[in-house]
Amino acid sequence: AARGPLRRVRVRLAPSSLQIALVHGKPDGWRPRPNPDPPPRDRQDWIEGSFRFDSYDTALRELLALGPDVEILLPIELREAMRKTATRLSRHHRT
């Protein structure tokens, strides 16, 4: 299958998740944001930047692999897709 154009996805993530991504090389193409928005109070140490992906499907899979310590900021459509995926996961894990 042909690969689409590379897309940048802006995220905020915990330093430990960034370390995992950098060591494993996935997601690829980390670029810190030069003037990040202030993080929420409960995540003061989180870092804002972007990763590069060939598709939104790849972005969703690779960011989901980082677990709960990543937040998609932009694009909004991908943020919504992550929210829907997390909702489905929580339904599967109800006791």
Protein backbone atom coordinates (compact mmCIF):
# COMPACT_ATOMS: atom_id res chain seq x y z
CA ALA A 1 0.00 0.00 0.00
CA ALA A 2 1.17 3.50 -0.78
CA ARG A 3 2.18 5.63 2.15
CA GLY A 4 0.50 8.97 2.56
CA PRO A 5 2.30 12.20 3.30
CA LEU A 6 4.04 12.52 6.63
CA ARG A 7 1.95 14.33 9.22
CA ARG A 8 2.96 16.06 12.41
CA VAL A 9 0.92 15.33 15.51
CA ARG A 10 1.28 17.71 18.47
CA VAL A 11 1.33 15.96 21.81
CA ARG A 12 2.04 16.54 25.47
CA LEU A 13 3.62 13.60 27.25
CA ALA A 14 5.40 12.51 30.40
CA PRO A 15 9.21 12.47 30.25
CA SER A 16 9.18 8.68 30.78
CA SER A 17 6.96 8.19 27.71
CA LEU A 18 9.20 10.42 25.62
CA GLN A 19 12.18 8.35 26.74
CA ILE A 20 10.42 5.13 25.68
CA ALA A 21 9.62 6.64 22.29
CA LEU A 22 13.17 7.83 21.74
CA VAL A 23 14.74 4.52 22.78
CA HIS A 24 12.39 2.41 20.63
CA GLY A 25 12.26 4.85 17.71
CA LYS A 26 8.46 4.82 17.68
CA PRO A 27 6.85 7.22 17.28
CA ASP A 28 9.44 8.77 15.01
CA GLY A 29 10.60 12.31 14.35
CA TRP A 30 10.33 13.92 17.80
CA ARG A 31 10.49 17.69 17.69
CA PRO A 32 10.06 19.69 20.94
CA ARG A 33 7.76 22.69 20.65
CA PRO A 34 9.81 25.89 21.10
CA ASN A 35 7.06 27.84 22.90
CA PRO A 36 4.80 25.24 24.50
CA ASP A 37 1.49 26.04 26.14
CA PRO A 38 1.63 25.78 29.94
CA PRO A 39 0.83 22.21 31.01
CA PRO A 40 -2.04 21.42 33.37
CA ARG A 41 -1.19 21.61 37.07
CA ASP A 42 -1.35 17.84 37.48
CA ARG A 43 1.20 17.37 34.66
CA GLN A 44 3.74 20.14 35.25
CA ASP A 45 6.68 17.99 34.11
CA TRP A 46 5.06 16.94 30.81
CA ILE A 47 6.72 18.04 27.58
CA GLU A 48 5.03 19.43 24.48
CA GLY A 49 6.19 18.67 20.97
CA SER A 50 5.34 16.65 17.90
CA PHE A 51 6.01 13.32 16.25
CA ARG A 52 5.92 12.51 12.55
CA PHE A 53 3.60 9.85 11.13
CA ASP A 54 2.72 8.50 7.70
CA SER A 55 -0.99 8.25 8.53
CA TYR A 56 -3.51 8.95 11.26
CA ASP A 57 -4.00 5.20 11.79
CA THR A 58 -0.29 4.76 12.47
CA ALA A 59 -0.32 7.78 14.77
CA LEU A 60 -3.20 6.39 16.80
CA ARG A 61 -1.59 2.95 17.18
CA GLU A 62 1.86 4.24 18.10
CA LEU A 63 0.61 6.88 20.53
CA LEU A 64 -1.76 4.39 22.15
CA ALA A 65 1.28 2.17 22.78
CA LEU A 66 2.68 4.90 25.05
CA GLY A 67 -0.21 4.30 27.43
CA PRO A 68 -1.92 6.91 29.58
CA ASP A 69 1.06 9.27 29.69
CA VAL A 70 0.44 10.94 26.33
CA GLU A 71 -2.15 13.52 25.30
CA ILE A 72 -2.86 14.35 21.65
CA LEU A 73 -3.29 18.10 21.28
CA LEU A 74 -3.62 18.45 17.50
CA PRO A 75 -5.13 17.57 15.12
CA ILE A 76 -8.50 17.60 16.85
CA GLU A 77 -9.76 14.67 14.73
CA LEU A 78 -6.97 12.45 16.03
CA ARG A 79 -7.58 13.64 19.60
CA GLU A 80 -11.22 12.59 19.19
CA ALA A 81 -10.18 9.21 17.74
CA MET A 82 -7.97 8.63 20.81
CA ARG A 83 -10.87 9.55 23.11
CA LYS A 84 -13.15 7.06 21.35
CA THR A 85 -10.49 4.35 21.54
CA ALA A 86 -9.94 4.98 25.25
CA THR A 87 -13.70 4.80 25.86
CA ARG A 88 -13.88 1.45 24.08
CA LEU A 89 -10.91 0.16 26.11
CA SER A 90 -12.51 1.21 29.38
CA ARG A 91 -15.72 -0.63 28.43
CA HIS A 92 -13.73 -3.83 27.81
CA HIS A 93 -12.13 -3.57 31.25
CA ARG A 94 -15.17 -3.01 33.40
CA THR A 95 -15.49 -5.37 36.32
